[in-house]
C-alpha atoms as a PDB file:
ATOM      1  CA  MET A   1       2.102 -18.073  -8.642  1.00  0.00           C
ATOM      2  CA  HIS A   2      -1.275 -19.744  -8.373  1.00  0.00           C
ATOM      3  CA  ALA A   3      -4.050 -17.997 -10.347  1.00  0.00           C
ATOM      4  CA  LEU A   4      -6.312 -17.729  -7.290  1.00  0.00           C
ATOM      5  CA  ALA A   5      -3.531 -16.088  -5.286  1.00  0.00           C
ATOM      6  CA  LYS A   6      -2.984 -13.534  -8.064  1.00  0.00           C
ATOM      7  CA  GLU A   7      -6.703 -12.753  -8.114  1.00  0.00           C
ATOM      8  CA  ASN A   8      -6.789 -12.335  -4.335  1.00  0.00           C
ATOM      9  CA  ASN A   9      -3.659 -10.172  -4.456  1.00  0.00           C
ATOM     10  CA  GLY A  10      -5.426  -7.944  -6.977  1.00  0.00           C
ATOM     11  CA  GLN A  11      -8.375  -7.515  -4.636  1.00  0.00           C
ATOM     12  CA  VAL A  12      -6.092  -6.765  -1.676  1.00  0.00           C
ATOM     13  CA  ALA A  13      -4.133  -4.258  -3.758  1.00  0.00           C
ATOM     14  CA  LYS A  14      -7.334  -2.441  -4.781  1.00  0.00           C
ATOM     15  CA  LEU A  15      -8.613  -2.313  -1.210  1.00  0.00           C
ATOM     16  CA  HIS A  16      -5.334  -0.834   0.033  1.00  0.00           C
ATOM     17  CA  ASN A  17      -4.710   1.495  -2.904  1.00  0.00           C
ATOM     18  CA  THR A  18      -1.458  -0.167  -3.966  1.00  0.00           C
ATOM     19  CA  SER A  19      -0.243  -2.456  -6.733  1.00  0.00           C
ATOM     20  CA  VAL A  20      -0.088  -6.240  -6.947  1.00  0.00           C
ATOM     21  CA  LYS A  21       3.658  -5.880  -7.522  1.00  0.00           C
ATOM     22  CA  MET A  22       4.083  -4.111  -4.168  1.00  0.00           C
ATOM     23  CA  ILE A  23       1.923  -6.693  -2.358  1.00  0.00           C
ATOM     24  CA  GLU A  24       3.998  -9.521  -3.847  1.00  0.00           C
ATOM     25  CA  ARG A  25       7.298  -7.766  -3.156  1.00  0.00           C
ATOM     26  CA  HIS A  26       6.592  -7.290   0.541  1.00  0.00           C
ATOM     27  CA  TYR A  27       4.456 -10.337   1.332  1.00  0.00           C
ATOM     28  CA  ALA A  28       5.670 -13.040  -1.093  1.00  0.00           C
ATOM     29  CA  LYS A  29       6.996 -15.354   1.628  1.00  0.00           C
ATOM     30  CA  TYR A  30       3.693 -15.166   3.520  1.00  0.00           C
ATOM     31  CA  ILE A  31       1.662 -15.748   0.361  1.00  0.00           C
ATOM     32  CA  ALA A  32       3.795 -18.776  -0.549  1.00  0.00           C
ATOM     33  CA  ALA A  33       3.474 -20.204   2.963  1.00  0.00           C
ATOM     34  CA  ALA A  34      -0.307 -19.793   2.882  1.00  0.00           C
ATOM     35  CA  LEU A  35      -0.519 -21.562  -0.485  1.00  0.00           C
ATOM     36  CA  GLU A  36       1.650 -24.404   0.847  1.00  0.00           C
ATOM     37  CA  ASP A  37      -0.663 -24.759   3.849  1.00  0.00           C
ATOM     38  CA  LEU A  38      -3.710 -24.907   1.565  1.00  0.00           C
ATOM     39  CA  ALA A  39      -2.050 -27.489  -0.682  1.00  0.00           C
ATOM     40  CA  ARG A  40      -0.959 -29.597   2.287  1.00  0.00           C
ATOM     41  CA  VAL A  41      -4.552 -29.854   3.499  1.00  0.00           C
ATOM     42  CA  ALA A  42      -5.934 -30.573   0.016  1.00  0.00           C
ATOM     43  CA  VAL A  43      -3.479 -33.329  -0.955  1.00  0.00           C
ATOM     44  CA  LEU A  44      -4.037 -36.859   0.264  1.00  0.00           C
ATOM     45  CA  PRO A  45      -0.920 -38.479   1.697  1.00  0.00           C
ATOM     46  CA  LEU A  46       0.375 -41.366  -0.434  1.00  0.00           C
ATOM     47  CA  VAL A  47       2.607 -42.728   2.307  1.00  0.00           C
ATOM     48  CA  PRO A  48       1.173 -43.386   5.758  1.00  0.00           C
ATOM     49  CA  ARG A  49       2.671 -41.450   8.633  1.00  0.00           C
ATOM     50  CA  SER A  50       5.083 -43.400  10.792  1.00  0.00           C
ATOM     51  CA  GLY A  51       3.515 -45.108  13.757  1.00  0.00           C
ATOM     52  CA  GLY A  52       0.246 -45.743  11.949  1.00  0.00           C
ATOM     53  CA  ASN A  53      -1.660 -49.007  11.770  1.00  0.00           C
ATOM     54  CA  VAL A  54       0.315 -50.513   8.907  1.00  0.00           C
ATOM     55  CA  LEU A  55       0.453 -54.291   8.828  1.00  0.00           C
ATOM     56  CA  MET A  56       3.623 -55.763   7.416  1.00  0.00           C
ATOM     57  CA  GLY A  57       3.268 -58.822   5.174  1.00  0.00           C
ATOM     58  CA  LYS A  58       5.328 -61.986   5.464  1.00  0.00           C
ATOM     59  CA  ARG A  59       8.776 -61.830   3.953  1.00  0.00           C
ATOM     60  CA  ALA A  60       9.816 -64.638   1.643  1.00  0.00           C
END
């Protein structure tokens, strides 16, 4: 798990008087989805999306 997520889970656990293990056990799929969403926004696409303005070169 990402270090930042673990730190945030620790803060959430303290605020709700529970353990990080319990937070992760019950909310792991939501935590993973949130991290994927953050990564998706942060990463630049290497391949243009279909339908974009991509000019094809001449074929030999």
